[in-house]
Amino acid sequence: MAEKGIDEDTAFREILVRLTEKYPDVPPERISAIVDEVRGEMTSAKVRDFVPVLAEREAKKRVKAERPTRSEG
């Protein structure tokens, strides 16, 4: 019996939810745009199984880079 492939749409919606919850100081619209950008960059990947994992890693890196700097004190 063949295993069903991953549902990328669901995976990307879950990535968006996780990043939005983890980084509330970044506007959700910006996080969505970053996730969309990363997904678009991976459209030509031949092996699709790891696309969501790799996309989440890259999106997380970009979101973290956009977080407002906080002064400690």
PDB file of N, CA and C in Angstrom:
ATOM      1  N   MET A   1       0.845  -1.185   0.000  1.00  0.00           N
ATOM      2  CA  MET A   1       0.000   0.000   0.000  1.00  0.00           C
ATOM      3  C   MET A   1       0.889   1.247   0.000  1.00  0.00           C
ATOM      4  N   ALA A   2       0.651   2.138  -0.912  1.00  0.00           N
ATOM      5  CA  ALA A   2       1.443   3.366  -1.025  1.00  0.00           C
ATOM      6  C   ALA A   2       0.984   4.384   0.001  1.00  0.00           C
ATOM      7  N   GLU A   3       1.975   5.078   0.568  1.00  0.00           N
ATOM      8  CA  GLU A   3       1.644   6.132   1.532  1.00  0.00           C
ATOM      9  C   GLU A   3       1.218   7.382   0.789  1.00  0.00           C
ATOM     10  N   LYS A   4       0.277   8.069   1.359  1.00  0.00           N
ATOM     11  CA  LYS A   4      -0.176   9.330   0.772  1.00  0.00           C
ATOM     12  C   LYS A   4       0.894  10.398   1.024  1.00  0.00           C
ATOM     13  N   GLY A   5       1.152  11.198   0.019  1.00  0.00           N
ATOM     14  CA  GLY A   5       2.126  12.280   0.160  1.00  0.00           C
ATOM     15  C   GLY A   5       1.625  13.348   1.111  1.00  0.00           C
ATOM     16  N   ILE A   6       2.534  14.214   1.485  1.00  0.00           N
ATOM     17  CA  ILE A   6       2.170  15.291   2.394  1.00  0.00           C
ATOM     18  C   ILE A   6       1.258  16.292   1.707  1.00  0.00           C
ATOM     19  N   ASP A   7       0.418  16.912   2.462  1.00  0.00           N
ATOM     20  CA  ASP A   7      -0.446  17.973   1.955  1.00  0.00           C
ATOM     21  C   ASP A   7       0.274  19.292   2.236  1.00  0.00           C
ATOM     22  N   GLU A   8       0.906  19.834   1.223  1.00  0.00           N
ATOM     23  CA  GLU A   8       1.709  21.045   1.415  1.00  0.00           C
ATOM     24  C   GLU A   8       0.875  22.236   1.857  1.00  0.00           C
ATOM     25  N   ASP A   9      -0.335  22.370   1.348  1.00  0.00           N
ATOM     26  CA  ASP A   9      -1.172  23.501   1.755  1.00  0.00           C
ATOM     27  C   ASP A   9      -1.416  23.479   3.253  1.00  0.00           C
ATOM     28  N   THR A  10      -1.747  22.306   3.779  1.00  0.00           N
ATOM     29  CA  THR A  10      -1.956  22.168   5.222  1.00  0.00           C
ATOM     30  C   THR A  10      -0.670  22.447   5.981  1.00  0.00           C
ATOM     31  N   ALA A  11       0.427  21.911   5.493  1.00  0.00           N
ATOM     32  CA  ALA A  11       1.716  22.109   6.156  1.00  0.00           C
ATOM     33  C   ALA A  11       2.072  23.591   6.226  1.00  0.00           C
ATOM     34  N   PHE A  12       1.828  24.318   5.142  1.00  0.00           N
ATOM     35  CA  PHE A  12       2.167  25.743   5.140  1.00  0.00           C
ATOM     36  C   PHE A  12       1.219  26.557   6.013  1.00  0.00           C
ATOM     37  N   ARG A  13      -0.026  26.156   6.097  1.00  0.00           N
ATOM     38  CA  ARG A  13      -0.948  26.841   7.031  1.00  0.00           C
ATOM     39  C   ARG A  13      -0.464  26.628   8.472  1.00  0.00           C
ATOM     40  N   GLU A  14      -0.003  25.423   8.783  1.00  0.00           N
ATOM     41  CA  GLU A  14       0.499  25.135  10.132  1.00  0.00           C
ATOM     42  C   GLU A  14       1.771  25.914  10.430  1.00  0.00           C
ATOM     43  N   ILE A  15       2.637  26.054   9.439  1.00  0.00           N
ATOM     44  CA  ILE A  15       3.854  26.857   9.609  1.00  0.00           C
ATOM     45  C   ILE A  15       3.471  28.294   9.947  1.00  0.00           C
ATOM     46  N   LEU A  16       2.516  28.835   9.210  1.00  0.00           N
ATOM     47  CA  LEU A  16       2.058  30.204   9.451  1.00  0.00           C
ATOM     48  C   LEU A  16       1.527  30.365  10.867  1.00  0.00           C
ATOM     49  N   VAL A  17       0.738  29.422  11.333  1.00  0.00           N
ATOM     50  CA  VAL A  17       0.190  29.480  12.694  1.00  0.00           C
ATOM     51  C   VAL A  17       1.322  29.427  13.719  1.00  0.00           C
ATOM     52  N   ARG A  18       2.249  28.493  13.544  1.00  0.00           N
ATOM     53  CA  ARG A  18       3.354  28.361  14.507  1.00  0.00           C
ATOM     54  C   ARG A  18       4.193  29.630  14.584  1.00  0.00           C
ATOM     55  N   LEU A  19       4.554  30.182  13.431  1.00  0.00           N
ATOM     56  CA  LEU A  19       5.399  31.372  13.438  1.00  0.00           C
ATOM     57  C   LEU A  19       4.659  32.591  13.986  1.00  0.00           C
ATOM     58  N   THR A  20       3.376  32.697  13.683  1.00  0.00           N
ATOM     59  CA  THR A  20       2.577  33.816  14.205  1.00  0.00           C
ATOM     60  C   THR A  20       2.478  33.745  15.723  1.00  0.00           C
ATOM     61  N   GLU A  21       2.320  32.536  16.251  1.00  0.00           N
ATOM     62  CA  GLU A  21       2.245  32.374  17.712  1.00  0.00           C
ATOM     63  C   GLU A  21       3.605  32.607  18.362  1.00  0.00           C
ATOM     64  N   LYS A  22       4.658  32.150  17.719  1.00  0.00           N
ATOM     65  CA  LYS A  22       5.995  32.256  18.300  1.00  0.00           C
ATOM     66  C   LYS A  22       6.548  33.686  18.254  1.00  0.00           C
ATOM     67  N   TYR A  23       6.138  34.456  17.227  1.00  0.00           N
ATOM     68  CA  TYR A  23       6.667  35.813  17.055  1.00  0.00           C
ATOM     69  C   TYR A  23       5.521  36.830  16.992  1.00  0.00           C
ATOM     70  N   PRO A  24       4.857  37.066  18.130  1.00  0.00           N
ATOM     71  CA  PRO A  24       3.719  37.996  18.138  1.00  0.00           C
ATOM     72  C   PRO A  24       4.129  39.449  17.890  1.00  0.00           C
ATOM     73  N   ASP A  25       5.433  39.745  17.998  1.00  0.00           N
ATOM     74  CA  ASP A  25       5.898  41.109  17.777  1.00  0.00           C
ATOM     75  C   ASP A  25       6.136  41.424  16.293  1.00  0.00           C
ATOM     76  N   VAL A  26       5.973  40.417  15.432  1.00  0.00           N
ATOM     77  CA  VAL A  26       6.061  40.631  13.979  1.00  0.00           C
ATOM     78  C   VAL A  26       4.637  40.582  13.436  1.00  0.00           C
ATOM     79  N   PRO A  27       4.244  41.566  12.649  1.00  0.00           N
ATOM     80  CA  PRO A  27       2.869  41.581  12.129  1.00  0.00           C
ATOM     81  C   PRO A  27       2.542  40.300  11.357  1.00  0.00           C
ATOM     82  N   PRO A  28       1.366  39.715  11.613  1.00  0.00           N
ATOM     83  CA  PRO A  28       0.981  38.474  10.933  1.00  0.00           C
ATOM     84  C   PRO A  28       1.021  38.584   9.404  1.00  0.00           C
ATOM     85  N   GLU A  29       0.711  39.775   8.866  1.00  0.00           N
ATOM     86  CA  GLU A  29       0.753  39.949   7.419  1.00  0.00           C
ATOM     87  C   GLU A  29       2.177  39.778   6.897  1.00  0.00           C
ATOM     88  N   ARG A  30       3.138  40.260   7.680  1.00  0.00           N
ATOM     89  CA  ARG A  30       4.545  40.141   7.266  1.00  0.00           C
ATOM     90  C   ARG A  30       4.991  38.681   7.325  1.00  0.00           C
ATOM     91  N   ILE A  31       4.580  37.981   8.378  1.00  0.00           N
ATOM     92  CA  ILE A  31       4.929  36.562   8.494  1.00  0.00           C
ATOM     93  C   ILE A  31       4.332  35.799   7.318  1.00  0.00           C
ATOM     94  N   SER A  32       3.100  36.096   6.980  1.00  0.00           N
ATOM     95  CA  SER A  32       2.445  35.440   5.849  1.00  0.00           C
ATOM     96  C   SER A  32       3.202  35.718   4.553  1.00  0.00           C
ATOM     97  N   ALA A  33       3.635  36.951   4.373  1.00  0.00           N
ATOM     98  CA  ALA A  33       4.388  37.303   3.174  1.00  0.00           C
ATOM     99  C   ALA A  33       5.712  36.547   3.110  1.00  0.00           C
ATOM    100  N   ILE A  34       6.385  36.427   4.238  1.00  0.00           N
ATOM    101  CA  ILE A  34       7.652  35.701   4.284  1.00  0.00           C
ATOM    102  C   ILE A  34       7.432  34.230   3.941  1.00  0.00           C
ATOM    103  N   VAL A  35       6.417  33.620   4.533  1.00  0.00           N
ATOM    104  CA  VAL A  35       6.125  32.214   4.256  1.00  0.00           C
ATOM    105  C   VAL A  35       5.808  32.031   2.767  1.00  0.00           C
ATOM    106  N   ASP A  36       5.036  32.945   2.206  1.00  0.00           N
ATOM    107  CA  ASP A  36       4.713  32.872   0.779  1.00  0.00           C
ATOM    108  C   ASP A  36       5.968  33.017  -0.086  1.00  0.00           C
ATOM    109  N   GLU A  37       6.862  33.937   0.292  1.00  0.00           N
ATOM    110  CA  GLU A  37       8.111  34.134  -0.449  1.00  0.00           C
ATOM    111  C   GLU A  37       8.941  32.857  -0.450  1.00  0.00           C
ATOM    112  N   VAL A  38       9.094  32.286   0.731  1.00  0.00           N
ATOM    113  CA  VAL A  38       9.903  31.074   0.860  1.00  0.00           C
ATOM    114  C   VAL A  38       9.276  29.927   0.073  1.00  0.00           C
ATOM    115  N   ARG A  39       7.972  29.801   0.165  1.00  0.00           N
ATOM    116  CA  ARG A  39       7.291  28.729  -0.575  1.00  0.00           C
ATOM    117  C   ARG A  39       7.501  28.913  -2.079  1.00  0.00           C
ATOM    118  N   GLY A  40       7.396  30.135  -2.533  1.00  0.00           N
ATOM    119  CA  GLY A  40       7.612  30.416  -3.946  1.00  0.00           C
ATOM    120  C   GLY A  40       9.015  30.069  -4.415  1.00  0.00           C
ATOM    121  N   GLU A  41       9.987  30.276  -3.546  1.00  0.00           N
ATOM    122  CA  GLU A  41      11.376  29.963  -3.892  1.00  0.00           C
ATOM    123  C   GLU A  41      11.606  28.459  -4.011  1.00  0.00           C
ATOM    124  N   MET A  42      10.708  27.682  -3.426  1.00  0.00           N
ATOM    125  CA  MET A  42      10.891  26.227  -3.412  1.00  0.00           C
ATOM    126  C   MET A  42       9.982  25.489  -4.397  1.00  0.00           C
ATOM    127  N   THR A  43       9.348  26.227  -5.299  1.00  0.00           N
ATOM    128  CA  THR A  43       8.413  25.587  -6.224  1.00  0.00           C
ATOM    129  C   THR A  43       9.093  24.628  -7.192  1.00  0.00           C
ATOM    130  N   SER A  44      10.359  24.831  -7.471  1.00  0.00           N
ATOM    131  CA  SER A  44      11.039  23.961  -8.429  1.00  0.00           C
ATOM    132  C   SER A  44      11.692  22.743  -7.784  1.00  0.00           C
ATOM    133  N   ALA A  45      11.561  22.590  -6.481  1.00  0.00           N
ATOM    134  CA  ALA A  45      12.166  21.427  -5.805  1.00  0.00           C
ATOM    135  C   ALA A  45      11.548  20.144  -6.347  1.00  0.00           C
ATOM    136  N   LYS A  46      12.383  19.218  -6.740  1.00  0.00           N
ATOM    137  CA  LYS A  46      11.897  17.965  -7.315  1.00  0.00           C
ATOM    138  C   LYS A  46      11.389  17.014  -6.239  1.00  0.00           C
ATOM    139  N   VAL A  47      12.080  16.960  -5.120  1.00  0.00           N
ATOM    140  CA  VAL A  47      11.654  16.111  -4.002  1.00  0.00           C
ATOM    141  C   VAL A  47      10.859  17.001  -3.056  1.00  0.00           C
ATOM    142  N   ARG A  48       9.575  16.720  -2.915  1.00  0.00           N
ATOM    143  CA  ARG A  48       8.666  17.599  -2.185  1.00  0.00           C
ATOM    144  C   ARG A  48       8.547  17.252  -0.699  1.00  0.00           C
ATOM    145  N   ASP A  49       8.975  16.069  -0.298  1.00  0.00           N
ATOM    146  CA  ASP A  49       8.749  15.613   1.071  1.00  0.00           C
ATOM    147  C   ASP A  49       9.299  16.547   2.140  1.00  0.00           C
ATOM    148  N   PHE A  50      10.428  17.165   1.869  1.00  0.00           N
ATOM    149  CA  PHE A  50      11.073  17.989   2.895  1.00  0.00           C
ATOM    150  C   PHE A  50      10.852  19.483   2.702  1.00  0.00           C
ATOM    151  N   VAL A  51      10.100  19.859   1.697  1.00  0.00           N
ATOM    152  CA  VAL A  51       9.873  21.277   1.424  1.00  0.00           C
ATOM    153  C   VAL A  51       9.290  22.011   2.635  1.00  0.00           C
ATOM    154  N   PRO A  52       8.237  21.499   3.288  1.00  0.00           N
ATOM    155  CA  PRO A  52       7.712  22.232   4.446  1.00  0.00           C
ATOM    156  C   PRO A  52       8.738  22.415   5.567  1.00  0.00           C
ATOM    157  N   VAL A  53       9.537  21.393   5.829  1.00  0.00           N
ATOM    158  CA  VAL A  53      10.541  21.494   6.899  1.00  0.00           C
ATOM    159  C   VAL A  53      11.588  22.551   6.545  1.00  0.00           C
ATOM    160  N   LEU A  54      12.088  22.477   5.330  1.00  0.00           N
ATOM    161  CA  LEU A  54      13.098  23.441   4.903  1.00  0.00           C
ATOM    162  C   LEU A  54      12.520  24.849   4.814  1.00  0.00           C
ATOM    163  N   ALA A  55      11.290  24.960   4.343  1.00  0.00           N
ATOM    164  CA  ALA A  55      10.649  26.266   4.241  1.00  0.00           C
ATOM    165  C   ALA A  55      10.427  26.878   5.617  1.00  0.00           C
ATOM    166  N   GLU A  56       9.997  26.063   6.571  1.00  0.00           N
ATOM    167  CA  GLU A  56       9.782  26.599   7.916  1.00  0.00           C
ATOM    168  C   GLU A  56      11.094  27.091   8.514  1.00  0.00           C
ATOM    169  N   ARG A  57      12.143  26.342   8.315  1.00  0.00           N
ATOM    170  CA  ARG A  57      13.452  26.750   8.847  1.00  0.00           C
ATOM    171  C   ARG A  57      13.878  28.099   8.256  1.00  0.00           C
ATOM    172  N   GLU A  58      13.738  28.250   6.943  1.00  0.00           N
ATOM    173  CA  GLU A  58      14.133  29.499   6.284  1.00  0.00           C
ATOM    174  C   GLU A  58      13.212  30.651   6.681  1.00  0.00           C
ATOM    175  N   ALA A  59      11.911  30.404   6.733  1.00  0.00           N
ATOM    176  CA  ALA A  59      10.957  31.452   7.118  1.00  0.00           C
ATOM    177  C   ALA A  59      11.220  31.912   8.544  1.00  0.00           C
ATOM    178  N   LYS A  60      11.492  30.984   9.428  1.00  0.00           N
ATOM    179  CA  LYS A  60      11.773  31.317  10.827  1.00  0.00           C
ATOM    180  C   LYS A  60      13.003  32.222  10.915  1.00  0.00           C
ATOM    181  N   LYS A  61      14.027  31.892  10.135  1.00  0.00           N
ATOM    182  CA  LYS A  61      15.239  32.708  10.123  1.00  0.00           C
ATOM    183  C   LYS A  61      14.919  34.136   9.664  1.00  0.00           C
ATOM    184  N   ARG A  62      14.104  34.267   8.633  1.00  0.00           N
ATOM    185  CA  ARG A  62      13.758  35.594   8.111  1.00  0.00           C
ATOM    186  C   ARG A  62      12.868  36.372   9.075  1.00  0.00           C
ATOM    187  N   VAL A  63      11.934  35.691   9.704  1.00  0.00           N
ATOM    188  CA  VAL A  63      11.051  36.363  10.674  1.00  0.00           C
ATOM    189  C   VAL A  63      11.884  36.858  11.850  1.00  0.00           C
ATOM    190  N   LYS A  64      12.774  36.027  12.354  1.00  0.00           N
ATOM    191  CA  LYS A  64      13.624  36.437  13.479  1.00  0.00           C
ATOM    192  C   LYS A  64      14.445  37.668  13.128  1.00  0.00           C
ATOM    193  N   ALA A  65      14.889  37.760  11.894  1.00  0.00           N
ATOM    194  CA  ALA A  65      15.703  38.897  11.462  1.00  0.00           C
ATOM    195  C   ALA A  65      14.892  40.185  11.422  1.00  0.00           C
ATOM    196  N   GLU A  66      13.570  40.068  11.315  1.00  0.00           N
ATOM    197  CA  GLU A  66      12.696  41.253  11.246  1.00  0.00           C
ATOM    198  C   GLU A  66      12.129  41.670  12.591  1.00  0.00           C
ATOM    199  N   ARG A  67      12.418  40.914  13.620  1.00  0.00           N
ATOM    200  CA  ARG A  67      11.865  41.271  14.929  1.00  0.00           C
ATOM    201  C   ARG A  67      12.425  42.603  15.386  1.00  0.00           C
ATOM    202  N   PRO A  68      11.581  43.401  16.023  1.00  0.00           N
ATOM    203  CA  PRO A  68      12.075  44.680  16.556  1.00  0.00           C
ATOM    204  C   PRO A  68      13.144  44.417  17.616  1.00  0.00           C
ATOM    205  N   THR A  69      14.163  45.261  17.617  1.00  0.00           N
ATOM    206  CA  THR A  69      15.197  45.108  18.647  1.00  0.00           C
ATOM    207  C   THR A  69      14.662  45.674  19.954  1.00  0.00           C
ATOM    208  N   ARG A  70      14.967  44.983  21.004  1.00  0.00           N
ATOM    209  CA  ARG A  70      14.525  45.424  22.325  1.00  0.00           C
ATOM    210  C   ARG A  70      15.737  45.808  23.143  1.00  0.00           C
ATOM    211  N   SER A  71      15.660  46.960  23.785  1.00  0.00           N
ATOM    212  CA  SER A  71      16.761  47.343  24.653  1.00  0.00           C
ATOM    213  C   SER A  71      16.534  46.691  26.013  1.00  0.00           C
ATOM    214  N   GLU A  72      17.624  46.165  26.528  1.00  0.00           N
ATOM    215  CA  GLU A  72      17.522  45.497  27.838  1.00  0.00           C
ATOM    216  C   GLU A  72      17.875  46.501  28.899  1.00  0.00           C
ATOM    217  N   GLY A  73      17.178  46.386  30.000  1.00  0.00           N
ATOM    218  CA  GLY A  73      17.491  47.360  31.030  1.00  0.00           C
ATOM    219  C   GLY A  73      16.831  47.105  32.315  1.00  0.00           C
TER     220      GLY A  73
END
